[in-house]
Amino acid sequence: MAPKLSSSQLSDFVLGKLSPEESLRVLDELERDPDASETVDYYASLLAYARGEGRSVFEERTNVGGPRPLARVHRAARFVARRRWVFAAAAVLALGIALGVLVRGKSIVWGHSAEYAALREVEFGVGIRAEADDNLKVAIGLFHEAEYDRSIRVLERLLKAEPVHPFPDYVNYALGVVHLAAAGEGGSGSIRLYDRSHVREGLESLRRAIILTASPRMAEEAHWMMAKGHFMLGEREDGIRTLEGAIAVRGKREVEARRLKILIESEE
């Protein structure tokens, strides 16, 4: 059982002083320990207060006959007490900013957005062709073993090889899927972290697959996976627009894509 986090660790988390690994450990602990979560909210509220509405209270110059320093502290305390909901929202914002600074190169999504982006048990929506070469089958096998980096290297070699691969649409589609899976789903609870570079590479490969393919089924599946990639990056409008591409095919993904689009738009 991991030791409980100290007050100094929690305050360093709010101030953005921890490494990405240490920050993830704090996130894990917050899920299990309500007291630690309350402490972080308190520290974040104070930080937001000092940087926001409360700054004038602490920076107020002392005038003749004006309130004494202790009186200003009491005034600040009453100010916070009357605006608890403001500082609760500010705490969430402060934590989001701190994480954004700490986890460079990562996309952070939370709440319903994390649900929309989830790949869950990813499988290739388009079945591998029976006549596919052995290298392509090796890449697919590595994907199923979660050897994403090795799978990506094999697929990239196929695209660069001469002569041109007979199924460039499928290779690009497969490469896009593997990149999105490699982007990961680190984080805790409703907060998810995705590697932005992998997501961007995945989106580009899927876009090429759509351009190259003559198969409606391939285009539909590539649009669906692209929508997931956009949601991973927090690109809501692009995600909805790509879902519309999957719906337009009127294939196997239509009902699922339409349901997801309605769900997202209902939250506006």
C-alpha atoms as a PDB file:
ATOM      1  CA  MET A   1       0.000   0.000   0.000  1.00  0.00           C
ATOM      2  CA  ALA A   2       1.468   3.363  -1.057  1.00  0.00           C
ATOM      3  CA  PRO A   3       2.071   5.904   1.735  1.00  0.00           C
ATOM      4  CA  LYS A   4      -0.338   8.807   1.958  1.00  0.00           C
ATOM      5  CA  LEU A   5       0.701  12.022   0.295  1.00  0.00           C
ATOM      6  CA  SER A   6       2.003  14.820   2.471  1.00  0.00           C
ATOM      7  CA  SER A   7       0.634  18.359   2.496  1.00  0.00           C
ATOM      8  CA  SER A   8       3.816  19.587   0.811  1.00  0.00           C
ATOM      9  CA  GLN A   9       3.381  17.076  -2.031  1.00  0.00           C
ATOM     10  CA  LEU A  10      -0.218  18.178  -2.559  1.00  0.00           C
ATOM     11  CA  SER A  11       0.711  21.851  -2.556  1.00  0.00           C
ATOM     12  CA  ASP A  12       3.581  21.185  -4.989  1.00  0.00           C
ATOM     13  CA  PHE A  13       1.079  19.392  -7.245  1.00  0.00           C
ATOM     14  CA  VAL A  14      -1.200  22.442  -7.323  1.00  0.00           C
ATOM     15  CA  LEU A  15       1.745  24.773  -7.940  1.00  0.00           C
ATOM     16  CA  GLY A  16       3.018  22.630 -10.834  1.00  0.00           C
ATOM     17  CA  LYS A  17       6.299  21.630  -9.210  1.00  0.00           C
ATOM     18  CA  LEU A  18       5.977  17.844  -9.576  1.00  0.00           C
ATOM     19  CA  SER A  19       7.199  15.700 -12.452  1.00  0.00           C
ATOM     20  CA  PRO A  20       4.587  14.113 -14.771  1.00  0.00           C
ATOM     21  CA  GLU A  21       5.109  10.734 -13.054  1.00  0.00           C
ATOM     22  CA  GLU A  22       4.649  12.234  -9.587  1.00  0.00           C
ATOM     23  CA  SER A  23       1.579  14.129 -10.773  1.00  0.00           C
ATOM     24  CA  LEU A  24      -0.036  10.925 -12.017  1.00  0.00           C
ATOM     25  CA  ARG A  25       0.631   9.337  -8.635  1.00  0.00           C
ATOM     26  CA  VAL A  26      -1.178  12.269  -6.995  1.00  0.00           C
ATOM     27  CA  LEU A  27      -4.113  11.799  -9.374  1.00  0.00           C
ATOM     28  CA  ASP A  28      -4.310   8.126  -8.420  1.00  0.00           C
ATOM     29  CA  GLU A  29      -4.266   9.020  -4.726  1.00  0.00           C
ATOM     30  CA  LEU A  30      -6.994  11.646  -5.150  1.00  0.00           C
ATOM     31  CA  GLU A  31      -9.281   8.924  -6.515  1.00  0.00           C
ATOM     32  CA  ARG A  32      -8.812   6.877  -3.339  1.00  0.00           C
ATOM     33  CA  ASP A  33      -8.487   9.521  -0.647  1.00  0.00           C
ATOM     34  CA  PRO A  34     -11.322  12.081  -0.205  1.00  0.00           C
ATOM     35  CA  ASP A  35      -9.258  13.972   2.398  1.00  0.00           C
ATOM     36  CA  ALA A  36      -6.392  14.451  -0.055  1.00  0.00           C
ATOM     37  CA  SER A  37      -8.870  15.565  -2.711  1.00  0.00           C
ATOM     38  CA  GLU A  38     -10.337  18.166  -0.339  1.00  0.00           C
ATOM     39  CA  THR A  39      -6.854  19.405   0.494  1.00  0.00           C
ATOM     40  CA  VAL A  40      -6.005  19.877  -3.184  1.00  0.00           C
ATOM     41  CA  ASP A  41      -9.277  21.745  -3.726  1.00  0.00           C
ATOM     42  CA  TYR A  42      -8.438  23.995  -0.786  1.00  0.00           C
ATOM     43  CA  TYR A  43      -4.915  24.760  -2.020  1.00  0.00           C
ATOM     44  CA  ALA A  44      -6.144  25.334  -5.569  1.00  0.00           C
ATOM     45  CA  SER A  45      -8.865  27.674  -4.287  1.00  0.00           C
ATOM     46  CA  LEU A  46      -6.300  29.736  -2.389  1.00  0.00           C
ATOM     47  CA  LEU A  47      -4.075  29.861  -5.454  1.00  0.00           C
ATOM     48  CA  ALA A  48      -6.947  30.925  -7.701  1.00  0.00           C
ATOM     49  CA  TYR A  49      -8.005  33.480  -5.095  1.00  0.00           C
ATOM     50  CA  ALA A  50      -4.535  34.997  -4.858  1.00  0.00           C
ATOM     51  CA  ARG A  51      -4.331  35.213  -8.670  1.00  0.00           C
ATOM     52  CA  GLY A  52      -7.875  36.362  -9.249  1.00  0.00           C
ATOM     53  CA  GLU A  53     -10.602  38.286  -7.459  1.00  0.00           C
ATOM     54  CA  GLY A  54      -8.859  38.264  -4.103  1.00  0.00           C
ATOM     55  CA  ARG A  55      -5.671  39.923  -5.310  1.00  0.00           C
ATOM     56  CA  SER A  56      -6.989  43.414  -4.570  1.00  0.00           C
ATOM     57  CA  VAL A  57      -7.597  42.414  -0.962  1.00  0.00           C
ATOM     58  CA  PHE A  58      -3.966  41.407  -0.413  1.00  0.00           C
ATOM     59  CA  GLU A  59      -2.471  44.191  -2.516  1.00  0.00           C
ATOM     60  CA  GLU A  60      -4.656  46.949  -1.067  1.00  0.00           C
ATOM     61  CA  ARG A  61      -2.579  49.829   0.179  1.00  0.00           C
ATOM     62  CA  THR A  62      -2.959  50.877   3.791  1.00  0.00           C
ATOM     63  CA  ASN A  63      -4.594  54.291   3.963  1.00  0.00           C
ATOM     64  CA  VAL A  64      -4.882  56.534   6.982  1.00  0.00           C
ATOM     65  CA  GLY A  65      -7.801  55.285   8.972  1.00  0.00           C
ATOM     66  CA  GLY A  66      -8.056  52.235   6.701  1.00  0.00           C
ATOM     67  CA  PRO A  67      -8.372  48.628   7.863  1.00  0.00           C
ATOM     68  CA  ARG A  68      -5.410  47.109   9.655  1.00  0.00           C
ATOM     69  CA  PRO A  69      -3.609  44.082   8.072  1.00  0.00           C
ATOM     70  CA  LEU A  70      -5.410  41.602  10.321  1.00  0.00           C
ATOM     71  CA  ALA A  71      -8.736  43.128   9.433  1.00  0.00           C
ATOM     72  CA  ARG A  72      -7.892  42.656   5.731  1.00  0.00           C
ATOM     73  CA  VAL A  73      -7.214  38.963   6.360  1.00  0.00           C
ATOM     74  CA  HIS A  74     -10.618  38.594   8.029  1.00  0.00           C
ATOM     75  CA  ARG A  75     -12.185  40.401   5.103  1.00  0.00           C
ATOM     76  CA  ALA A  76     -10.507  38.003   2.673  1.00  0.00           C
ATOM     77  CA  ALA A  77     -11.786  35.004   4.645  1.00  0.00           C
ATOM     78  CA  ARG A  78     -15.358  36.334   4.495  1.00  0.00           C
ATOM     79  CA  PHE A  79     -14.899  37.001   0.774  1.00  0.00           C
ATOM     80  CA  VAL A  80     -13.922  33.369   0.127  1.00  0.00           C
ATOM     81  CA  ALA A  81     -16.753  32.014   2.286  1.00  0.00           C
ATOM     82  CA  ARG A  82     -19.360  33.968   0.300  1.00  0.00           C
ATOM     83  CA  ARG A  83     -18.038  32.744  -3.043  1.00  0.00           C
ATOM     84  CA  ARG A  84     -17.360  29.036  -2.536  1.00  0.00           C
ATOM     85  CA  TRP A  85     -18.771  28.060  -5.920  1.00  0.00           C
ATOM     86  CA  VAL A  86     -16.466  30.528  -7.680  1.00  0.00           C
ATOM     87  CA  PHE A  87     -13.396  29.032  -6.068  1.00  0.00           C
ATOM     88  CA  ALA A  88     -14.539  25.456  -6.679  1.00  0.00           C
ATOM     89  CA  ALA A  89     -14.618  26.248 -10.402  1.00  0.00           C
ATOM     90  CA  ALA A  90     -11.302  28.086 -10.146  1.00  0.00           C
ATOM     91  CA  ALA A  91      -9.734  25.058  -8.456  1.00  0.00           C
ATOM     92  CA  VAL A  92     -10.645  22.842 -11.399  1.00  0.00           C
ATOM     93  CA  LEU A  93      -9.204  25.415 -13.789  1.00  0.00           C
ATOM     94  CA  ALA A  94      -6.000  25.757 -11.760  1.00  0.00           C
ATOM     95  CA  LEU A  95      -5.494  21.989 -11.743  1.00  0.00           C
ATOM     96  CA  GLY A  96      -6.079  21.808 -15.481  1.00  0.00           C
ATOM     97  CA  ILE A  97      -3.499  24.532 -16.109  1.00  0.00           C
ATOM     98  CA  ALA A  98      -0.967  22.848 -13.801  1.00  0.00           C
ATOM     99  CA  LEU A  99      -1.390  19.520 -15.581  1.00  0.00           C
ATOM    100  CA  GLY A 100      -1.121  21.171 -18.979  1.00  0.00           C
ATOM    101  CA  VAL A 101       2.244  22.620 -18.012  1.00  0.00           C
ATOM    102  CA  LEU A 102       3.500  19.433 -16.401  1.00  0.00           C
ATOM    103  CA  VAL A 103       2.547  16.880 -19.015  1.00  0.00           C
ATOM    104  CA  ARG A 104       4.069  18.421 -22.122  1.00  0.00           C
ATOM    105  CA  GLY A 105       3.125  16.805 -25.405  1.00  0.00           C
ATOM    106  CA  LYS A 106       0.028  15.281 -23.847  1.00  0.00           C
ATOM    107  CA  SER A 107      -3.604  16.038 -24.556  1.00  0.00           C
ATOM    108  CA  ILE A 108      -5.728  16.122 -21.397  1.00  0.00           C
ATOM    109  CA  VAL A 109      -9.438  15.322 -21.625  1.00  0.00           C
ATOM    110  CA  TRP A 110     -11.875  14.660 -18.820  1.00  0.00           C
ATOM    111  CA  GLY A 111     -15.530  13.958 -18.057  1.00  0.00           C
ATOM    112  CA  HIS A 112     -17.760  13.151 -21.024  1.00  0.00           C
ATOM    113  CA  SER A 113     -15.006  14.148 -23.455  1.00  0.00           C
ATOM    114  CA  ALA A 114     -12.890  11.269 -22.141  1.00  0.00           C
ATOM    115  CA  GLU A 115     -15.799   8.908 -22.812  1.00  0.00           C
ATOM    116  CA  TYR A 116     -16.187  10.123 -26.399  1.00  0.00           C
ATOM    117  CA  ALA A 117     -12.477   9.597 -27.066  1.00  0.00           C
ATOM    118  CA  ALA A 118     -12.271   6.119 -25.527  1.00  0.00           C
ATOM    119  CA  LEU A 119     -11.229   3.365 -27.946  1.00  0.00           C
ATOM    120  CA  ARG A 120     -11.920   0.547 -25.481  1.00  0.00           C
ATOM    121  CA  GLU A 121     -11.165  -2.862 -27.012  1.00  0.00           C
ATOM    122  CA  VAL A 122      -9.812  -1.687 -30.345  1.00  0.00           C
ATOM    123  CA  GLU A 123     -10.038  -4.083 -33.245  1.00  0.00           C
ATOM    124  CA  PHE A 124      -9.579  -3.394 -36.899  1.00  0.00           C
ATOM    125  CA  GLY A 125     -13.066  -2.573 -38.148  1.00  0.00           C
ATOM    126  CA  VAL A 126     -12.106  -3.651 -41.659  1.00  0.00           C
ATOM    127  CA  GLY A 127     -11.021  -7.278 -41.944  1.00  0.00           C
ATOM    128  CA  ILE A 128      -7.553  -8.001 -43.289  1.00  0.00           C
ATOM    129  CA  ARG A 129      -7.594  -9.178 -46.879  1.00  0.00           C
ATOM    130  CA  ALA A 130      -6.900 -12.874 -47.367  1.00  0.00           C
ATOM    131  CA  GLU A 131      -4.256 -12.101 -49.995  1.00  0.00           C
ATOM    132  CA  ALA A 132      -2.373  -9.638 -47.751  1.00  0.00           C
ATOM    133  CA  ASP A 133       1.376 -10.191 -47.550  1.00  0.00           C
ATOM    134  CA  ASP A 134       3.114 -11.675 -44.529  1.00  0.00           C
ATOM    135  CA  ASN A 135       4.582  -8.345 -43.379  1.00  0.00           C
ATOM    136  CA  LEU A 136       1.141  -6.798 -43.082  1.00  0.00           C
ATOM    137  CA  LYS A 137      -0.028  -9.797 -41.086  1.00  0.00           C
ATOM    138  CA  VAL A 138       3.012  -9.420 -38.821  1.00  0.00           C
ATOM    139  CA  ALA A 139       2.133  -5.767 -38.199  1.00  0.00           C
ATOM    140  CA  ILE A 140      -1.449  -6.688 -37.298  1.00  0.00           C
ATOM    141  CA  GLY A 141      -0.195  -9.409 -34.970  1.00  0.00           C
ATOM    142  CA  LEU A 142       2.128  -6.976 -33.203  1.00  0.00           C
ATOM    143  CA  PHE A 143      -0.805  -4.602 -32.748  1.00  0.00           C
ATOM    144  CA  HIS A 144      -2.863  -7.310 -31.042  1.00  0.00           C
ATOM    145  CA  GLU A 145       0.099  -7.976 -28.730  1.00  0.00           C
ATOM    146  CA  ALA A 146       0.166  -4.247 -27.826  1.00  0.00           C
ATOM    147  CA  GLU A 147       3.619  -3.941 -29.468  1.00  0.00           C
ATOM    148  CA  TYR A 148       2.549  -0.650 -30.999  1.00  0.00           C
ATOM    149  CA  ASP A 149       5.957   0.856 -31.761  1.00  0.00           C
ATOM    150  CA  ARG A 150       7.119  -2.287 -33.557  1.00  0.00           C
ATOM    151  CA  SER A 151       3.845  -2.491 -35.475  1.00  0.00           C
ATOM    152  CA  ILE A 152       4.241   1.136 -36.567  1.00  0.00           C
ATOM    153  CA  ARG A 153       7.785   0.488 -37.811  1.00  0.00           C
ATOM    154  CA  VAL A 154       6.659  -2.472 -39.915  1.00  0.00           C
ATOM    155  CA  LEU A 155       3.758  -0.513 -41.436  1.00  0.00           C
ATOM    156  CA  GLU A 156       5.960   2.498 -42.203  1.00  0.00           C
ATOM    157  CA  ARG A 157       8.480   0.235 -43.964  1.00  0.00           C
ATOM    158  CA  LEU A 158       5.656  -1.176 -46.092  1.00  0.00           C
ATOM    159  CA  LEU A 159       4.648   2.311 -47.201  1.00  0.00           C
ATOM    160  CA  LYS A 160       8.238   3.250 -48.116  1.00  0.00           C
ATOM    161  CA  ALA A 161       9.106  -0.032 -49.848  1.00  0.00           C
ATOM    162  CA  GLU A 162       9.391  -0.492 -53.592  1.00  0.00           C
ATOM    163  CA  PRO A 163       7.342  -1.480 -55.449  1.00  0.00           C
ATOM    164  CA  VAL A 164       4.352   0.346 -53.982  1.00  0.00           C
ATOM    165  CA  HIS A 165       2.284  -1.815 -51.633  1.00  0.00           C
ATOM    166  CA  PRO A 166      -0.783  -3.252 -53.408  1.00  0.00           C
ATOM    167  CA  PHE A 167      -3.103  -2.086 -50.579  1.00  0.00           C
ATOM    168  CA  PRO A 168      -1.884   1.398 -49.557  1.00  0.00           C
ATOM    169  CA  ASP A 169      -5.339   2.325 -48.286  1.00  0.00           C
ATOM    170  CA  TYR A 170      -5.364  -0.579 -45.834  1.00  0.00           C
ATOM    171  CA  VAL A 171      -1.766   0.006 -44.697  1.00  0.00           C
ATOM    172  CA  ASN A 172      -2.529   3.679 -43.997  1.00  0.00           C
ATOM    173  CA  TYR A 173      -5.729   2.742 -42.204  1.00  0.00           C
ATOM    174  CA  ALA A 174      -3.877   0.174 -40.081  1.00  0.00           C
ATOM    175  CA  LEU A 175      -1.110   2.689 -39.330  1.00  0.00           C
ATOM    176  CA  GLY A 176      -3.694   5.245 -38.201  1.00  0.00           C
ATOM    177  CA  VAL A 177      -5.386   2.785 -35.862  1.00  0.00           C
ATOM    178  CA  VAL A 178      -2.087   1.691 -34.318  1.00  0.00           C
ATOM    179  CA  HIS A 179      -1.023   5.301 -33.742  1.00  0.00           C
ATOM    180  CA  LEU A 180      -4.294   6.070 -31.929  1.00  0.00           C
ATOM    181  CA  ALA A 181      -3.883   2.978 -29.773  1.00  0.00           C
ATOM    182  CA  ALA A 182      -0.268   3.979 -29.063  1.00  0.00           C
ATOM    183  CA  ALA A 183      -1.442   7.405 -27.925  1.00  0.00           C
ATOM    184  CA  GLY A 184      -2.460   5.659 -24.740  1.00  0.00           C
ATOM    185  CA  GLU A 185      -5.055   6.376 -22.085  1.00  0.00           C
ATOM    186  CA  GLY A 186      -2.939   7.342 -19.111  1.00  0.00           C
ATOM    187  CA  GLY A 187      -4.477   9.221 -16.210  1.00  0.00           C
ATOM    188  CA  SER A 188      -6.936   8.482 -13.474  1.00  0.00           C
ATOM    189  CA  GLY A 189     -10.706   8.391 -13.091  1.00  0.00           C
ATOM    190  CA  SER A 190     -12.394  10.694 -15.592  1.00  0.00           C
ATOM    191  CA  ILE A 191      -9.093  12.334 -16.622  1.00  0.00           C
ATOM    192  CA  ARG A 192      -7.292  10.847 -19.612  1.00  0.00           C
ATOM    193  CA  LEU A 193      -3.942  11.704 -21.194  1.00  0.00           C
ATOM    194  CA  TYR A 194      -3.133  11.103 -24.850  1.00  0.00           C
ATOM    195  CA  ASP A 195       0.164  11.511 -26.690  1.00  0.00           C
ATOM    196  CA  ARG A 196      -0.540  14.327 -29.148  1.00  0.00           C
ATOM    197  CA  SER A 197       2.152  13.323 -31.653  1.00  0.00           C
ATOM    198  CA  HIS A 198       0.746   9.798 -31.990  1.00  0.00           C
ATOM    199  CA  VAL A 199      -2.777  11.171 -32.424  1.00  0.00           C
ATOM    200  CA  ARG A 200      -1.651  13.631 -35.105  1.00  0.00           C
ATOM    201  CA  GLU A 201       0.231  10.907 -36.974  1.00  0.00           C
ATOM    202  CA  GLY A 202      -2.817   8.666 -36.719  1.00  0.00           C
ATOM    203  CA  LEU A 203      -5.143  11.342 -38.100  1.00  0.00           C
ATOM    204  CA  GLU A 204      -2.846  11.959 -41.066  1.00  0.00           C
ATOM    205  CA  SER A 205      -2.619   8.229 -41.895  1.00  0.00           C
ATOM    206  CA  LEU A 206      -6.397   7.818 -41.683  1.00  0.00           C
ATOM    207  CA  ARG A 207      -6.881  10.873 -43.905  1.00  0.00           C
ATOM    208  CA  ARG A 208      -4.616   9.299 -46.528  1.00  0.00           C
ATOM    209  CA  ALA A 209      -6.566   6.042 -46.278  1.00  0.00           C
ATOM    210  CA  ILE A 210      -9.827   7.880 -47.048  1.00  0.00           C
ATOM    211  CA  ILE A 211      -8.262   9.571 -50.086  1.00  0.00           C
ATOM    212  CA  LEU A 212      -6.781   6.330 -51.433  1.00  0.00           C
ATOM    213  CA  THR A 213      -9.591   3.864 -50.839  1.00  0.00           C
ATOM    214  CA  ALA A 214     -12.392   2.885 -53.196  1.00  0.00           C
ATOM    215  CA  SER A 215     -14.090   0.907 -50.415  1.00  0.00           C
ATOM    216  CA  PRO A 216     -17.059   2.593 -48.661  1.00  0.00           C
ATOM    217  CA  ARG A 217     -16.494   0.311 -45.682  1.00  0.00           C
ATOM    218  CA  MET A 218     -12.862   1.420 -45.387  1.00  0.00           C
ATOM    219  CA  ALA A 219     -13.853   5.092 -45.669  1.00  0.00           C
ATOM    220  CA  GLU A 220     -16.543   4.663 -43.018  1.00  0.00           C
ATOM    221  CA  GLU A 221     -14.213   3.023 -40.533  1.00  0.00           C
ATOM    222  CA  ALA A 222     -11.441   5.548 -41.175  1.00  0.00           C
ATOM    223  CA  HIS A 223     -13.878   8.424 -40.547  1.00  0.00           C
ATOM    224  CA  TRP A 224     -14.995   6.804 -37.285  1.00  0.00           C
ATOM    225  CA  MET A 225     -11.414   6.408 -36.056  1.00  0.00           C
ATOM    226  CA  MET A 226     -10.560   9.960 -37.106  1.00  0.00           C
ATOM    227  CA  ALA A 227     -13.462  11.245 -35.012  1.00  0.00           C
ATOM    228  CA  LYS A 228     -12.012   9.426 -32.022  1.00  0.00           C
ATOM    229  CA  GLY A 229      -8.638  11.039 -32.701  1.00  0.00           C
ATOM    230  CA  HIS A 230     -10.138  14.519 -32.784  1.00  0.00           C
ATOM    231  CA  PHE A 231     -11.919  13.885 -29.476  1.00  0.00           C
ATOM    232  CA  MET A 232      -8.583  12.759 -27.996  1.00  0.00           C
ATOM    233  CA  LEU A 233      -7.221  16.201 -28.836  1.00  0.00           C
ATOM    234  CA  GLY A 234     -10.288  17.987 -27.519  1.00  0.00           C
ATOM    235  CA  GLU A 235     -11.246  19.032 -31.067  1.00  0.00           C
ATOM    236  CA  ARG A 236     -14.986  18.705 -30.638  1.00  0.00           C
ATOM    237  CA  GLU A 237     -16.179  20.379 -33.848  1.00  0.00           C
ATOM    238  CA  ASP A 238     -13.706  18.451 -36.012  1.00  0.00           C
ATOM    239  CA  GLY A 239     -14.812  15.245 -34.290  1.00  0.00           C
ATOM    240  CA  ILE A 240     -18.482  15.912 -35.040  1.00  0.00           C
ATOM    241  CA  ARG A 241     -17.702  16.794 -38.652  1.00  0.00           C
ATOM    242  CA  THR A 242     -15.781  13.527 -39.074  1.00  0.00           C
ATOM    243  CA  LEU A 243     -18.626  11.559 -37.504  1.00  0.00           C
ATOM    244  CA  GLU A 244     -20.841  13.006 -40.225  1.00  0.00           C
ATOM    245  CA  GLY A 245     -18.468  11.458 -42.771  1.00  0.00           C
ATOM    246  CA  ALA A 246     -19.001   8.039 -41.174  1.00  0.00           C
ATOM    247  CA  ILE A 247     -22.787   8.562 -41.099  1.00  0.00           C
ATOM    248  CA  ALA A 248     -22.871   9.556 -44.782  1.00  0.00           C
ATOM    249  CA  VAL A 249     -21.612   6.113 -45.825  1.00  0.00           C
ATOM    250  CA  ARG A 250     -24.756   4.564 -44.279  1.00  0.00           C
ATOM    251  CA  GLY A 251     -22.948   1.398 -43.324  1.00  0.00           C
ATOM    252  CA  LYS A 252     -22.226  -0.588 -40.161  1.00  0.00           C
ATOM    253  CA  ARG A 253     -21.127   2.445 -38.159  1.00  0.00           C
ATOM    254  CA  GLU A 254     -24.102   4.665 -39.025  1.00  0.00           C
ATOM    255  CA  VAL A 255     -26.237   4.008 -35.956  1.00  0.00           C
ATOM    256  CA  GLU A 256     -23.302   4.214 -33.542  1.00  0.00           C
ATOM    257  CA  ALA A 257     -21.904   7.374 -35.134  1.00  0.00           C
ATOM    258  CA  ARG A 258     -25.317   9.052 -35.273  1.00  0.00           C
ATOM    259  CA  ARG A 259     -25.983   8.225 -31.615  1.00  0.00           C
ATOM    260  CA  LEU A 260     -22.626   9.657 -30.542  1.00  0.00           C
ATOM    261  CA  LYS A 261     -23.153  12.830 -32.582  1.00  0.00           C
ATOM    262  CA  ILE A 262     -26.601  13.416 -31.039  1.00  0.00           C
ATOM    263  CA  LEU A 263     -25.224  12.803 -27.549  1.00  0.00           C
ATOM    264  CA  ILE A 264     -22.412  15.339 -27.978  1.00  0.00           C
ATOM    265  CA  GLU A 265     -24.641  17.980 -29.561  1.00  0.00           C
ATOM    266  CA  SER A 266     -27.255  17.600 -26.808  1.00  0.00           C
ATOM    267  CA  GLU A 267     -24.709  18.904 -24.297  1.00  0.00           C
ATOM    268  CA  GLU A 268     -24.310  22.280 -25.982  1.00  0.00           C
END
